[in-house]
Amino acid sequence: MTIHLHKGDLPENISFGKSVAVDTETQGLSMVRDKLCLVQLSAGDGDAHIVQVDRSSYDCPNLKALMSDTDVEKIFHFARFDVAVMKRDLGVDITPVYCTKIASGLVRTYTDGHGLKNLCKELLNVDLSKQQQSSDWASDSLSQAQLSYAASDVLYLHQLQRILTARLMREDRMHLAKACFEFLPTRAELDLAGWHDVDIFSHSFRS
């Protein structure tokens, strides 16, 4: 595994092919308070590219172009959060999207463990370390442990996608997954607009 750290933006003319695994790191999970710090990417080739964004300007045209490219599928785990954060701070609408957490929820109905660590352990026999999950991602100087943790969140998404897609096809639920993936940009907009903890489809919903 090689980790490439890029300050501010991706380099010119870098290509991830037709699909890129993506994850983000923020200072916390608040859509109001916590700003985007890192964007991690992988082509599924065992290498990871980590963009340490400039939080004062978010001037990263190459990264924004990739995220906005409708010819490149973006693979996330829990895309709902990442899509919303990048829309808020980078001003980009991300599509098409594939979310391994949604796919897992649709086919691994025998468990309630749909975290990335759960998926990697069961489907790939890979034991991910989560020691750096709570970390100062806004630091100017990132430790090797932080970089390794951040990279691990994208290195296995292509493999997980292939396994989960096969199961979605087997269970005849691929159409449901695609509909959920297409709804994600709207779900992100709802989160950013204040409906993050409200189920508007619930019978008991009150405005």
N, C-alpha and C. Protein backbone atom coordinates (compact mmCIF):
# COMPACT_ATOMS: atom_id res chain seq x y z
N MET A 1 0.84 -1.20 0.00
CA MET A 1 0.00 0.00 0.00
C MET A 1 0.87 1.24 0.00
N THR A 2 0.54 2.18 -0.88
CA THR A 2 1.20 3.48 -0.90
C THR A 2 0.17 4.56 -0.61
N ILE A 3 0.50 5.45 0.31
CA ILE A 3 -0.38 6.56 0.66
C ILE A 3 0.22 7.84 0.08
N HIS A 4 -0.55 8.53 -0.74
CA HIS A 4 -0.11 9.78 -1.34
C HIS A 4 -0.85 10.93 -0.64
N LEU A 5 -0.13 11.81 0.03
CA LEU A 5 -0.74 12.96 0.70
C LEU A 5 -0.61 14.18 -0.18
N HIS A 6 -1.75 14.82 -0.46
CA HIS A 6 -1.77 16.01 -1.31
C HIS A 6 -2.28 17.19 -0.48
N LYS A 7 -1.52 18.24 -0.45
CA LYS A 7 -1.92 19.44 0.28
C LYS A 7 -2.78 20.33 -0.61
N GLY A 8 -4.00 20.56 -0.21
CA GLY A 8 -4.87 21.51 -0.89
C GLY A 8 -5.74 20.92 -1.98
N ASP A 9 -5.18 20.08 -2.85
CA ASP A 9 -5.95 19.59 -3.99
C ASP A 9 -5.27 18.36 -4.58
N LEU A 10 -6.01 17.64 -5.40
CA LEU A 10 -5.42 16.56 -6.19
C LEU A 10 -4.50 17.15 -7.25
N PRO A 11 -3.47 16.42 -7.66
CA PRO A 11 -2.64 16.90 -8.76
C PRO A 11 -3.39 16.87 -10.08
N GLU A 12 -2.90 17.60 -11.06
CA GLU A 12 -3.50 17.63 -12.39
C GLU A 12 -3.42 16.25 -13.04
N ASN A 13 -4.45 15.93 -13.83
CA ASN A 13 -4.46 14.76 -14.71
C ASN A 13 -4.40 13.41 -13.99
N ILE A 14 -4.68 13.38 -12.71
CA ILE A 14 -4.76 12.09 -12.03
C ILE A 14 -6.07 11.41 -12.41
N SER A 15 -6.02 10.11 -12.62
CA SER A 15 -7.22 9.37 -13.04
C SER A 15 -7.48 8.21 -12.09
N PHE A 16 -8.74 8.03 -11.76
CA PHE A 16 -9.16 6.91 -10.92
C PHE A 16 -10.00 5.91 -11.70
N GLY A 17 -10.08 6.09 -13.01
CA GLY A 17 -10.88 5.19 -13.82
C GLY A 17 -12.36 5.52 -13.72
N LYS A 18 -13.18 4.49 -13.88
CA LYS A 18 -14.63 4.68 -13.92
C LYS A 18 -15.28 4.68 -12.54
N SER A 19 -14.52 4.31 -11.50
CA SER A 19 -15.10 4.34 -10.15
C SER A 19 -14.01 4.65 -9.15
N VAL A 20 -14.35 5.46 -8.16
CA VAL A 20 -13.39 5.86 -7.15
C VAL A 20 -14.02 5.69 -5.76
N ALA A 21 -13.28 5.08 -4.86
CA ALA A 21 -13.72 4.97 -3.47
C ALA A 21 -13.41 6.28 -2.76
N VAL A 22 -14.36 6.76 -1.97
CA VAL A 22 -14.22 8.08 -1.34
C VAL A 22 -14.65 8.01 0.12
N ASP A 23 -13.92 8.76 0.96
CA ASP A 23 -14.32 8.94 2.35
C ASP A 23 -13.87 10.33 2.78
N THR A 24 -14.39 10.80 3.89
CA THR A 24 -14.00 12.11 4.40
C THR A 24 -13.68 12.01 5.88
N GLU A 25 -12.90 12.97 6.35
CA GLU A 25 -12.68 13.13 7.79
C GLU A 25 -13.03 14.57 8.16
N THR A 26 -13.78 14.72 9.23
CA THR A 26 -14.16 16.02 9.76
C THR A 26 -13.77 16.06 11.23
N GLN A 27 -13.93 17.23 11.84
CA GLN A 27 -13.60 17.34 13.27
C GLN A 27 -14.64 16.67 14.16
N GLY A 28 -15.78 16.37 13.62
CA GLY A 28 -16.85 15.72 14.37
C GLY A 28 -17.97 15.39 13.42
N LEU A 29 -19.15 15.12 13.93
CA LEU A 29 -20.26 14.68 13.09
C LEU A 29 -21.38 15.72 13.00
N SER A 30 -21.10 16.96 13.40
CA SER A 30 -22.12 18.00 13.34
C SER A 30 -22.12 18.65 11.96
N MET A 31 -23.28 18.71 11.33
CA MET A 31 -23.41 19.36 10.03
C MET A 31 -23.30 20.88 10.15
N VAL A 32 -23.46 21.40 11.34
CA VAL A 32 -23.38 22.85 11.56
C VAL A 32 -21.98 23.27 11.97
N ARG A 33 -21.34 22.49 12.83
CA ARG A 33 -20.13 22.91 13.49
C ARG A 33 -18.84 22.40 12.86
N ASP A 34 -18.83 21.17 12.38
CA ASP A 34 -17.58 20.47 12.06
C ASP A 34 -17.25 20.51 10.58
N LYS A 35 -16.11 21.11 10.26
CA LYS A 35 -15.72 21.33 8.87
C LYS A 35 -14.95 20.15 8.28
N LEU A 36 -15.01 20.07 6.98
CA LEU A 36 -14.29 19.04 6.23
C LEU A 36 -12.78 19.27 6.34
N CYS A 37 -12.04 18.20 6.65
CA CYS A 37 -10.58 18.28 6.79
C CYS A 37 -9.83 17.49 5.73
N LEU A 38 -10.27 16.25 5.52
CA LEU A 38 -9.60 15.37 4.56
C LEU A 38 -10.61 14.73 3.63
N VAL A 39 -10.15 14.43 2.41
CA VAL A 39 -10.90 13.58 1.50
C VAL A 39 -9.95 12.47 1.04
N GLN A 40 -10.34 11.24 1.27
CA GLN A 40 -9.53 10.09 0.89
C GLN A 40 -10.12 9.43 -0.35
N LEU A 41 -9.25 8.97 -1.24
CA LEU A 41 -9.70 8.37 -2.49
C LEU A 41 -8.83 7.18 -2.85
N SER A 42 -9.43 6.21 -3.53
CA SER A 42 -8.68 5.06 -4.03
C SER A 42 -9.34 4.54 -5.30
N ALA A 43 -8.51 4.08 -6.22
CA ALA A 43 -9.01 3.46 -7.45
C ALA A 43 -9.26 1.97 -7.25
N GLY A 44 -9.05 1.47 -6.05
CA GLY A 44 -9.22 0.06 -5.78
C GLY A 44 -7.98 -0.74 -6.13
N ASP A 45 -6.85 -0.06 -6.28
CA ASP A 45 -5.59 -0.69 -6.67
C ASP A 45 -4.64 -0.91 -5.50
N GLY A 46 -5.12 -0.68 -4.28
CA GLY A 46 -4.28 -0.85 -3.11
C GLY A 46 -3.58 0.41 -2.65
N ASP A 47 -3.69 1.49 -3.44
CA ASP A 47 -3.11 2.78 -3.07
C ASP A 47 -4.20 3.75 -2.64
N ALA A 48 -3.82 4.72 -1.83
CA ALA A 48 -4.77 5.73 -1.37
C ALA A 48 -4.20 7.12 -1.60
N HIS A 49 -5.06 8.03 -1.99
CA HIS A 49 -4.71 9.44 -2.14
C HIS A 49 -5.50 10.22 -1.10
N ILE A 50 -4.81 11.00 -0.30
CA ILE A 50 -5.45 11.78 0.76
C ILE A 50 -5.24 13.26 0.48
N VAL A 51 -6.34 13.98 0.33
CA VAL A 51 -6.29 15.42 0.10
C VAL A 51 -6.55 16.13 1.42
N GLN A 52 -5.56 16.87 1.87
CA GLN A 52 -5.71 17.70 3.07
C GLN A 52 -6.17 19.07 2.60
N VAL A 53 -7.47 19.32 2.68
CA VAL A 53 -8.05 20.52 2.07
C VAL A 53 -7.72 21.77 2.88
N ASP A 54 -7.69 22.91 2.19
CA ASP A 54 -7.49 24.21 2.83
C ASP A 54 -8.83 24.66 3.39
N ARG A 55 -8.99 24.60 4.69
CA ARG A 55 -10.29 24.89 5.30
C ARG A 55 -10.65 26.37 5.29
N SER A 56 -9.70 27.22 4.90
CA SER A 56 -10.02 28.64 4.83
C SER A 56 -10.66 29.03 3.51
N SER A 57 -10.48 28.18 2.48
CA SER A 57 -11.01 28.54 1.16
C SER A 57 -11.68 27.38 0.42
N TYR A 58 -11.28 26.16 0.75
CA TYR A 58 -11.73 24.99 0.01
C TYR A 58 -11.53 25.17 -1.50
N ASP A 59 -10.37 25.73 -1.85
CA ASP A 59 -10.02 25.94 -3.25
C ASP A 59 -9.33 24.68 -3.77
N CYS A 60 -10.10 23.77 -4.32
CA CYS A 60 -9.56 22.49 -4.79
C CYS A 60 -10.28 22.09 -6.08
N PRO A 61 -10.01 22.79 -7.18
CA PRO A 61 -10.76 22.56 -8.42
C PRO A 61 -10.64 21.15 -8.98
N ASN A 62 -9.49 20.51 -8.82
CA ASN A 62 -9.34 19.16 -9.36
C ASN A 62 -10.18 18.15 -8.59
N LEU A 63 -10.19 18.28 -7.28
CA LEU A 63 -11.02 17.40 -6.46
C LEU A 63 -12.50 17.65 -6.75
N LYS A 64 -12.89 18.90 -6.86
CA LYS A 64 -14.29 19.23 -7.14
C LYS A 64 -14.72 18.69 -8.50
N ALA A 65 -13.83 18.78 -9.48
CA ALA A 65 -14.15 18.27 -10.82
C ALA A 65 -14.38 16.77 -10.79
N LEU A 66 -13.55 16.05 -10.05
CA LEU A 66 -13.72 14.60 -9.94
C LEU A 66 -15.03 14.26 -9.26
N MET A 67 -15.34 14.94 -8.16
CA MET A 67 -16.57 14.65 -7.44
C MET A 67 -17.82 14.99 -8.26
N SER A 68 -17.70 15.94 -9.17
CA SER A 68 -18.83 16.37 -10.00
C SER A 68 -18.94 15.60 -11.30
N ASP A 69 -17.95 14.76 -11.61
CA ASP A 69 -17.90 14.04 -12.89
C ASP A 69 -18.95 12.93 -12.89
N THR A 70 -19.97 13.09 -13.72
CA THR A 70 -21.05 12.10 -13.76
C THR A 70 -20.66 10.80 -14.45
N ASP A 71 -19.47 10.77 -15.05
CA ASP A 71 -18.98 9.54 -15.68
C ASP A 71 -18.18 8.67 -14.72
N VAL A 72 -17.93 9.17 -13.51
CA VAL A 72 -17.16 8.43 -12.51
C VAL A 72 -18.07 8.11 -11.32
N GLU A 73 -18.24 6.82 -11.05
CA GLU A 73 -19.03 6.40 -9.89
C GLU A 73 -18.22 6.60 -8.62
N LYS A 74 -18.85 7.18 -7.61
CA LYS A 74 -18.22 7.39 -6.31
C LYS A 74 -18.76 6.36 -5.31
N ILE A 75 -17.84 5.56 -4.75
CA ILE A 75 -18.22 4.50 -3.81
C ILE A 75 -17.92 4.98 -2.39
N PHE A 76 -18.92 5.01 -1.54
CA PHE A 76 -18.79 5.44 -0.15
C PHE A 76 -19.25 4.34 0.79
N HIS A 77 -18.89 4.49 2.06
CA HIS A 77 -19.56 3.77 3.12
C HIS A 77 -20.20 4.84 4.01
N PHE A 78 -21.52 4.79 4.13
CA PHE A 78 -22.34 5.85 4.74
C PHE A 78 -22.21 7.14 3.93
N ALA A 79 -22.61 7.05 2.68
CA ALA A 79 -22.52 8.18 1.74
C ALA A 79 -23.34 9.37 2.21
N ARG A 80 -24.39 9.13 2.96
CA ARG A 80 -25.26 10.22 3.41
C ARG A 80 -24.47 11.35 4.05
N PHE A 81 -23.52 11.00 4.92
CA PHE A 81 -22.74 12.03 5.61
C PHE A 81 -21.72 12.68 4.68
N ASP A 82 -20.97 11.87 3.95
CA ASP A 82 -19.91 12.41 3.09
C ASP A 82 -20.46 13.30 1.98
N VAL A 83 -21.56 12.87 1.38
CA VAL A 83 -22.17 13.66 0.30
C VAL A 83 -22.64 15.01 0.84
N ALA A 84 -23.22 15.01 2.04
CA ALA A 84 -23.70 16.25 2.63
C ALA A 84 -22.55 17.19 2.98
N VAL A 85 -21.49 16.64 3.58
CA VAL A 85 -20.35 17.47 4.00
C VAL A 85 -19.67 18.10 2.79
N MET A 86 -19.52 17.33 1.72
CA MET A 86 -18.85 17.89 0.53
C MET A 86 -19.74 18.87 -0.22
N LYS A 87 -21.05 18.66 -0.15
CA LYS A 87 -21.95 19.65 -0.74
C LYS A 87 -21.87 20.96 0.04
N ARG A 88 -21.82 20.86 1.35
CA ARG A 88 -21.77 22.04 2.21
C ARG A 88 -20.46 22.82 2.04
N ASP A 89 -19.32 22.12 2.10
CA ASP A 89 -18.03 22.82 2.12
C ASP A 89 -17.39 22.99 0.74
N LEU A 90 -17.61 22.04 -0.16
CA LEU A 90 -17.03 22.15 -1.50
C LEU A 90 -18.01 22.69 -2.53
N GLY A 91 -19.30 22.68 -2.18
CA GLY A 91 -20.30 23.20 -3.11
C GLY A 91 -20.53 22.32 -4.31
N VAL A 92 -20.35 20.99 -4.14
CA VAL A 92 -20.50 20.08 -5.27
C VAL A 92 -21.67 19.13 -5.04
N ASP A 93 -22.34 18.78 -6.12
CA ASP A 93 -23.38 17.76 -6.11
C ASP A 93 -22.75 16.47 -6.63
N ILE A 94 -22.76 15.43 -5.82
CA ILE A 94 -22.03 14.20 -6.12
C ILE A 94 -22.98 13.14 -6.66
N THR A 95 -22.72 12.71 -7.87
CA THR A 95 -23.49 11.66 -8.52
C THR A 95 -22.68 11.12 -9.69
N PRO A 96 -22.79 9.83 -10.00
CA PRO A 96 -23.55 8.77 -9.32
C PRO A 96 -22.83 8.29 -8.07
N VAL A 97 -23.61 7.70 -7.17
CA VAL A 97 -23.10 7.28 -5.87
C VAL A 97 -23.46 5.81 -5.63
N TYR A 98 -22.55 5.10 -4.97
CA TYR A 98 -22.83 3.75 -4.48
C TYR A 98 -22.47 3.76 -2.99
N CYS A 99 -23.36 3.26 -2.15
CA CYS A 99 -23.11 3.25 -0.70
C CYS A 99 -23.10 1.81 -0.20
N THR A 100 -21.95 1.37 0.31
CA THR A 100 -21.84 0.00 0.79
C THR A 100 -22.66 -0.23 2.06
N LYS A 101 -22.91 0.83 2.83
CA LYS A 101 -23.72 0.65 4.04
C LYS A 101 -25.18 0.39 3.69
N ILE A 102 -25.69 1.12 2.71
CA ILE A 102 -27.06 0.89 2.25
C ILE A 102 -27.17 -0.50 1.64
N ALA A 103 -26.20 -0.87 0.80
CA ALA A 103 -26.21 -2.19 0.18
C ALA A 103 -26.20 -3.28 1.24
N SER A 104 -25.38 -3.09 2.27
CA SER A 104 -25.32 -4.06 3.35
C SER A 104 -26.66 -4.18 4.06
N GLY A 105 -27.29 -3.05 4.33
CA GLY A 105 -28.57 -3.07 5.01
C GLY A 105 -29.66 -3.78 4.22
N LEU A 106 -29.53 -3.79 2.90
CA LEU A 106 -30.54 -4.42 2.05
C LEU A 106 -30.32 -5.93 1.89
N VAL A 107 -29.09 -6.42 2.11
CA VAL A 107 -28.85 -7.85 1.88
C VAL A 107 -28.35 -8.58 3.11
N ARG A 108 -27.71 -7.90 4.05
CA ARG A 108 -27.22 -8.57 5.27
C ARG A 108 -28.27 -8.39 6.38
N THR A 109 -29.46 -8.86 6.10
CA THR A 109 -30.58 -8.65 7.02
C THR A 109 -30.51 -9.58 8.23
N TYR A 110 -29.52 -10.44 8.27
CA TYR A 110 -29.32 -11.36 9.39
C TYR A 110 -28.51 -10.71 10.52
N THR A 111 -28.13 -9.43 10.37
CA THR A 111 -27.32 -8.76 11.37
C THR A 111 -27.68 -7.28 11.43
N ASP A 112 -27.35 -6.64 12.55
CA ASP A 112 -27.49 -5.19 12.63
C ASP A 112 -26.12 -4.51 12.60
N GLY A 113 -25.09 -5.29 12.28
CA GLY A 113 -23.73 -4.74 12.19
C GLY A 113 -23.38 -4.37 10.76
N HIS A 114 -23.59 -3.10 10.42
CA HIS A 114 -23.35 -2.65 9.05
C HIS A 114 -22.22 -1.63 8.95
N GLY A 115 -21.41 -1.53 10.00
CA GLY A 115 -20.25 -0.65 9.94
C GLY A 115 -19.19 -1.19 9.00
N LEU A 116 -18.29 -0.32 8.58
CA LEU A 116 -17.23 -0.74 7.67
C LEU A 116 -16.37 -1.85 8.28
N LYS A 117 -16.09 -1.72 9.56
CA LYS A 117 -15.31 -2.75 10.26
C LYS A 117 -16.02 -4.09 10.21
N ASN A 118 -17.33 -4.10 10.42
CA ASN A 118 -18.11 -5.34 10.35
C ASN A 118 -18.03 -5.97 8.97
N LEU A 119 -18.20 -5.14 7.93
CA LEU A 119 -18.19 -5.65 6.56
C LEU A 119 -16.84 -6.24 6.19
N CYS A 120 -15.78 -5.51 6.51
CA CYS A 120 -14.44 -5.97 6.15
C CYS A 120 -14.11 -7.29 6.87
N LYS A 121 -14.53 -7.41 8.11
CA LYS A 121 -14.23 -8.63 8.87
C LYS A 121 -14.97 -9.82 8.29
N GLU A 122 -16.27 -9.66 8.04
CA GLU A 122 -17.07 -10.80 7.57
C GLU A 122 -16.80 -11.15 6.12
N LEU A 123 -16.79 -10.14 5.25
CA LEU A 123 -16.73 -10.41 3.81
C LEU A 123 -15.32 -10.55 3.27
N LEU A 124 -14.33 -9.90 3.91
CA LEU A 124 -12.97 -9.91 3.39
C LEU A 124 -11.96 -10.51 4.35
N ASN A 125 -12.41 -10.83 5.56
CA ASN A 125 -11.50 -11.32 6.62
C ASN A 125 -10.37 -10.33 6.89
N VAL A 126 -10.71 -9.06 6.87
CA VAL A 126 -9.77 -7.97 7.17
C VAL A 126 -10.24 -7.31 8.46
N ASP A 127 -9.33 -7.17 9.40
CA ASP A 127 -9.66 -6.57 10.69
C ASP A 127 -9.16 -5.13 10.72
N LEU A 128 -10.06 -4.19 10.50
CA LEU A 128 -9.69 -2.78 10.47
C LEU A 128 -9.47 -2.24 11.88
N SER A 129 -8.44 -1.44 12.04
CA SER A 129 -8.21 -0.76 13.32
C SER A 129 -8.97 0.56 13.32
N LYS A 130 -9.64 0.85 14.42
CA LYS A 130 -10.39 2.11 14.55
C LYS A 130 -9.79 3.00 15.64
N GLN A 131 -8.52 2.79 15.96
CA GLN A 131 -7.89 3.54 17.05
C GLN A 131 -7.84 5.03 16.79
N GLN A 132 -7.72 5.43 15.51
CA GLN A 132 -7.60 6.86 15.19
C GLN A 132 -8.93 7.50 14.80
N GLN A 133 -10.03 6.79 15.05
CA GLN A 133 -11.34 7.32 14.65
C GLN A 133 -11.61 8.67 15.30
N SER A 134 -11.29 8.80 16.57
CA SER A 134 -11.40 10.09 17.26
C SER A 134 -10.01 10.73 17.25
N SER A 135 -9.83 11.70 16.38
CA SER A 135 -8.50 12.23 16.14
C SER A 135 -8.62 13.68 15.69
N ASP A 136 -7.53 14.44 15.84
CA ASP A 136 -7.52 15.84 15.42
C ASP A 136 -7.18 15.92 13.93
N TRP A 137 -8.21 15.83 13.10
CA TRP A 137 -7.99 15.82 11.65
C TRP A 137 -7.67 17.20 11.10
N ALA A 138 -7.83 18.24 11.90
CA ALA A 138 -7.52 19.59 11.44
C ALA A 138 -6.06 19.95 11.65
N SER A 139 -5.28 19.07 12.24
CA SER A 139 -3.87 19.33 12.48
C SER A 139 -3.12 19.55 11.17
N ASP A 140 -2.20 20.51 11.15
CA ASP A 140 -1.40 20.75 9.95
C ASP A 140 -0.50 19.56 9.63
N SER A 141 -0.06 18.86 10.67
CA SER A 141 0.83 17.73 10.50
C SER A 141 0.13 16.45 10.97
N LEU A 142 -0.14 15.56 10.04
CA LEU A 142 -0.83 14.32 10.36
C LEU A 142 0.17 13.20 10.62
N SER A 143 -0.10 12.39 11.61
CA SER A 143 0.79 11.28 11.94
C SER A 143 0.62 10.15 10.94
N GLN A 144 1.58 9.25 10.91
CA GLN A 144 1.47 8.09 10.04
C GLN A 144 0.29 7.22 10.44
N ALA A 145 0.01 7.16 11.73
CA ALA A 145 -1.15 6.39 12.20
C ALA A 145 -2.45 6.99 11.67
N GLN A 146 -2.54 8.31 11.67
CA GLN A 146 -3.74 8.97 11.13
C GLN A 146 -3.88 8.69 9.64
N LEU A 147 -2.79 8.82 8.91
CA LEU A 147 -2.83 8.60 7.45
C LEU A 147 -3.21 7.15 7.14
N SER A 148 -2.68 6.21 7.88
CA SER A 148 -2.99 4.80 7.65
C SER A 148 -4.46 4.52 7.94
N TYR A 149 -4.96 5.11 9.03
CA TYR A 149 -6.38 4.94 9.36
C TYR A 149 -7.27 5.53 8.26
N ALA A 150 -6.96 6.75 7.84
CA ALA A 150 -7.76 7.41 6.81
C ALA A 150 -7.74 6.61 5.51
N ALA A 151 -6.58 6.09 5.16
CA ALA A 151 -6.46 5.31 3.92
C ALA A 151 -7.28 4.03 3.99
N SER A 152 -7.30 3.40 5.16
CA SER A 152 -7.99 2.11 5.29
C SER A 152 -9.48 2.22 5.00
N ASP A 153 -10.04 3.40 5.15
CA ASP A 153 -11.48 3.58 4.93
C ASP A 153 -11.87 3.55 3.45
N VAL A 154 -10.90 3.61 2.54
CA VAL A 154 -11.22 3.56 1.11
C VAL A 154 -10.60 2.37 0.39
N LEU A 155 -9.64 1.71 1.00
CA LEU A 155 -8.88 0.67 0.30
C LEU A 155 -9.72 -0.55 -0.06
N TYR A 156 -10.79 -0.82 0.68
CA TYR A 156 -11.54 -2.06 0.50
C TYR A 156 -12.93 -1.86 -0.10
N LEU A 157 -13.29 -0.63 -0.42
CA LEU A 157 -14.66 -0.37 -0.86
C LEU A 157 -14.99 -1.00 -2.20
N HIS A 158 -14.03 -1.05 -3.13
CA HIS A 158 -14.30 -1.70 -4.42
C HIS A 158 -14.59 -3.19 -4.23
N GLN A 159 -13.81 -3.84 -3.37
CA GLN A 159 -14.05 -5.27 -3.12
C GLN A 159 -15.40 -5.49 -2.46
N LEU A 160 -15.74 -4.66 -1.50
CA LEU A 160 -17.03 -4.79 -0.83
C LEU A 160 -18.17 -4.53 -1.81
N GLN A 161 -18.00 -3.56 -2.70
CA GLN A 161 -19.03 -3.28 -3.69
C GLN A 161 -19.32 -4.51 -4.55
N ARG A 162 -18.28 -5.19 -4.99
CA ARG A 162 -18.48 -6.37 -5.86
C ARG A 162 -19.25 -7.47 -5.13
N ILE A 163 -18.89 -7.71 -3.88
CA ILE A 163 -19.57 -8.77 -3.12
C ILE A 163 -21.02 -8.39 -2.83
N LEU A 164 -21.23 -7.16 -2.40
CA LEU A 164 -22.59 -6.72 -2.06
C LEU A 164 -23.48 -6.63 -3.29
N THR A 165 -22.92 -6.20 -4.41
CA THR A 165 -23.71 -6.13 -5.64
C THR A 165 -24.15 -7.52 -6.07
N ALA A 166 -23.27 -8.50 -5.94
CA ALA A 166 -23.65 -9.88 -6.28
C ALA A 166 -24.80 -10.36 -5.40
N ARG A 167 -24.77 -9.97 -4.13
CA ARG A 167 -25.86 -10.38 -3.23
C ARG A 167 -27.15 -9.62 -3.54
N LEU A 168 -27.02 -8.34 -3.89
CA LEU A 168 -28.21 -7.59 -4.29
C LEU A 168 -28.87 -8.21 -5.51
N MET A 169 -28.06 -8.63 -6.47
CA MET A 169 -28.59 -9.28 -7.67
C MET A 169 -29.24 -10.62 -7.30
N ARG A 170 -28.58 -11.36 -6.43
CA ARG A 170 -29.10 -12.67 -6.01
C ARG A 170 -30.47 -12.54 -5.34
N GLU A 171 -30.64 -11.50 -4.53
CA GLU A 171 -31.89 -11.30 -3.79
C GLU A 171 -32.90 -10.43 -4.55
N ASP A 172 -32.56 -10.06 -5.79
CA ASP A 172 -33.43 -9.23 -6.62
C ASP A 172 -33.77 -7.90 -5.93
N ARG A 173 -32.72 -7.27 -5.35
CA ARG A 173 -32.90 -6.00 -4.65
C ARG A 173 -32.03 -4.89 -5.23
N MET A 174 -31.43 -5.15 -6.39
CA MET A 174 -30.56 -4.14 -6.97
C MET A 174 -31.34 -2.88 -7.33
N HIS A 175 -32.58 -3.04 -7.77
CA HIS A 175 -33.39 -1.87 -8.14
C HIS A 175 -33.68 -1.01 -6.91
N LEU A 176 -33.85 -1.65 -5.75
CA LEU A 176 -34.07 -0.89 -4.52
C LEU A 176 -32.81 -0.13 -4.13
N ALA A 177 -31.67 -0.79 -4.26
CA ALA A 177 -30.41 -0.14 -3.93
C ALA A 177 -30.18 1.07 -4.83
N LYS A 178 -30.40 0.92 -6.13
CA LYS A 178 -30.19 2.02 -7.06
C LYS A 178 -31.09 3.21 -6.73
N ALA A 179 -32.34 2.92 -6.36
CA ALA A 179 -33.26 4.00 -6.00
C ALA A 179 -32.78 4.73 -4.75
N CYS A 180 -32.25 3.97 -3.78
CA CYS A 180 -31.70 4.59 -2.57
C CYS A 180 -30.48 5.44 -2.90
N PHE A 181 -29.59 4.91 -3.75
CA PHE A 181 -28.39 5.66 -4.12
C PHE A 181 -28.76 6.97 -4.82
N GLU A 182 -29.75 6.92 -5.69
CA GLU A 182 -30.17 8.12 -6.42
C GLU A 182 -30.81 9.16 -5.50
N PHE A 183 -31.38 8.69 -4.39
CA PHE A 183 -32.02 9.59 -3.43
C PHE A 183 -31.01 10.28 -2.51
N LEU A 184 -29.80 9.76 -2.44
CA LEU A 184 -28.82 10.27 -1.47
C LEU A 184 -28.55 11.77 -1.57
N PRO A 185 -28.38 12.36 -2.76
CA PRO A 185 -28.18 13.81 -2.80
C PRO A 185 -29.34 14.59 -2.17
N THR A 186 -30.57 14.10 -2.36
CA THR A 186 -31.73 14.73 -1.73
C THR A 186 -31.71 14.53 -0.23
N ARG A 187 -31.33 13.32 0.21
CA ARG A 187 -31.21 13.05 1.65
C ARG A 187 -30.18 13.98 2.28
N ALA A 188 -29.08 14.23 1.56
CA ALA A 188 -28.06 15.15 2.05
C ALA A 188 -28.60 16.57 2.17
N GLU A 189 -29.38 16.98 1.19
CA GLU A 189 -29.98 18.32 1.26
C GLU A 189 -30.93 18.44 2.44
N LEU A 190 -31.70 17.41 2.71
CA LEU A 190 -32.60 17.41 3.87
C LEU A 190 -31.80 17.53 5.16
N ASP A 191 -30.69 16.79 5.26
CA ASP A 191 -29.85 16.87 6.45
C ASP A 191 -29.33 18.29 6.65
N LEU A 192 -28.85 18.89 5.57
CA LEU A 192 -28.28 20.23 5.67
C LEU A 192 -29.34 21.29 5.97
N ALA A 193 -30.57 21.00 5.55
CA ALA A 193 -31.65 21.96 5.76
C ALA A 193 -32.32 21.82 7.13
N GLY A 194 -31.90 20.81 7.92
CA GLY A 194 -32.43 20.71 9.27
C GLY A 194 -33.28 19.49 9.56
N TRP A 195 -33.46 18.59 8.58
CA TRP A 195 -34.28 17.40 8.80
C TRP A 195 -33.42 16.16 9.03
N HIS A 196 -32.24 16.34 9.64
CA HIS A 196 -31.32 15.22 9.79
C HIS A 196 -31.81 14.15 10.76
N ASP A 197 -32.59 14.53 11.75
CA ASP A 197 -33.06 13.55 12.74
C ASP A 197 -34.57 13.40 12.71
N VAL A 198 -35.20 13.74 11.59
CA VAL A 198 -36.65 13.63 11.45
C VAL A 198 -36.98 12.67 10.31
N ASP A 199 -37.84 11.69 10.57
CA ASP A 199 -38.29 10.76 9.54
C ASP A 199 -39.59 11.30 8.94
N ILE A 200 -39.47 11.97 7.79
CA ILE A 200 -40.65 12.58 7.19
C ILE A 200 -41.60 11.55 6.58
N PHE A 201 -41.17 10.28 6.51
CA PHE A 201 -42.02 9.22 5.99
C PHE A 201 -42.81 8.53 7.11
N SER A 202 -42.50 8.87 8.35
CA SER A 202 -43.14 8.21 9.48
C SER A 202 -44.59 8.66 9.63
N HIS A 203 -45.46 7.73 10.03
CA HIS A 203 -46.86 8.05 10.26
C HIS A 203 -47.02 9.07 11.38
N SER A 204 -46.09 9.03 12.36
CA SER A 204 -46.21 9.90 13.52
C SER A 204 -45.52 11.25 13.30
N PHE A 205 -45.01 11.47 12.07
CA PHE A 205 -44.31 12.74 11.79
C PHE A 205 -45.25 13.92 11.99
N ARG A 206 -44.71 14.96 12.67
CA ARG A 206 -45.46 16.22 12.85
C ARG A 206 -44.57 17.36 12.42
N SER A 207 -45.10 18.29 11.67
CA SER A 207 -44.31 19.43 11.19
C SER A 207 -44.21 20.50 12.26
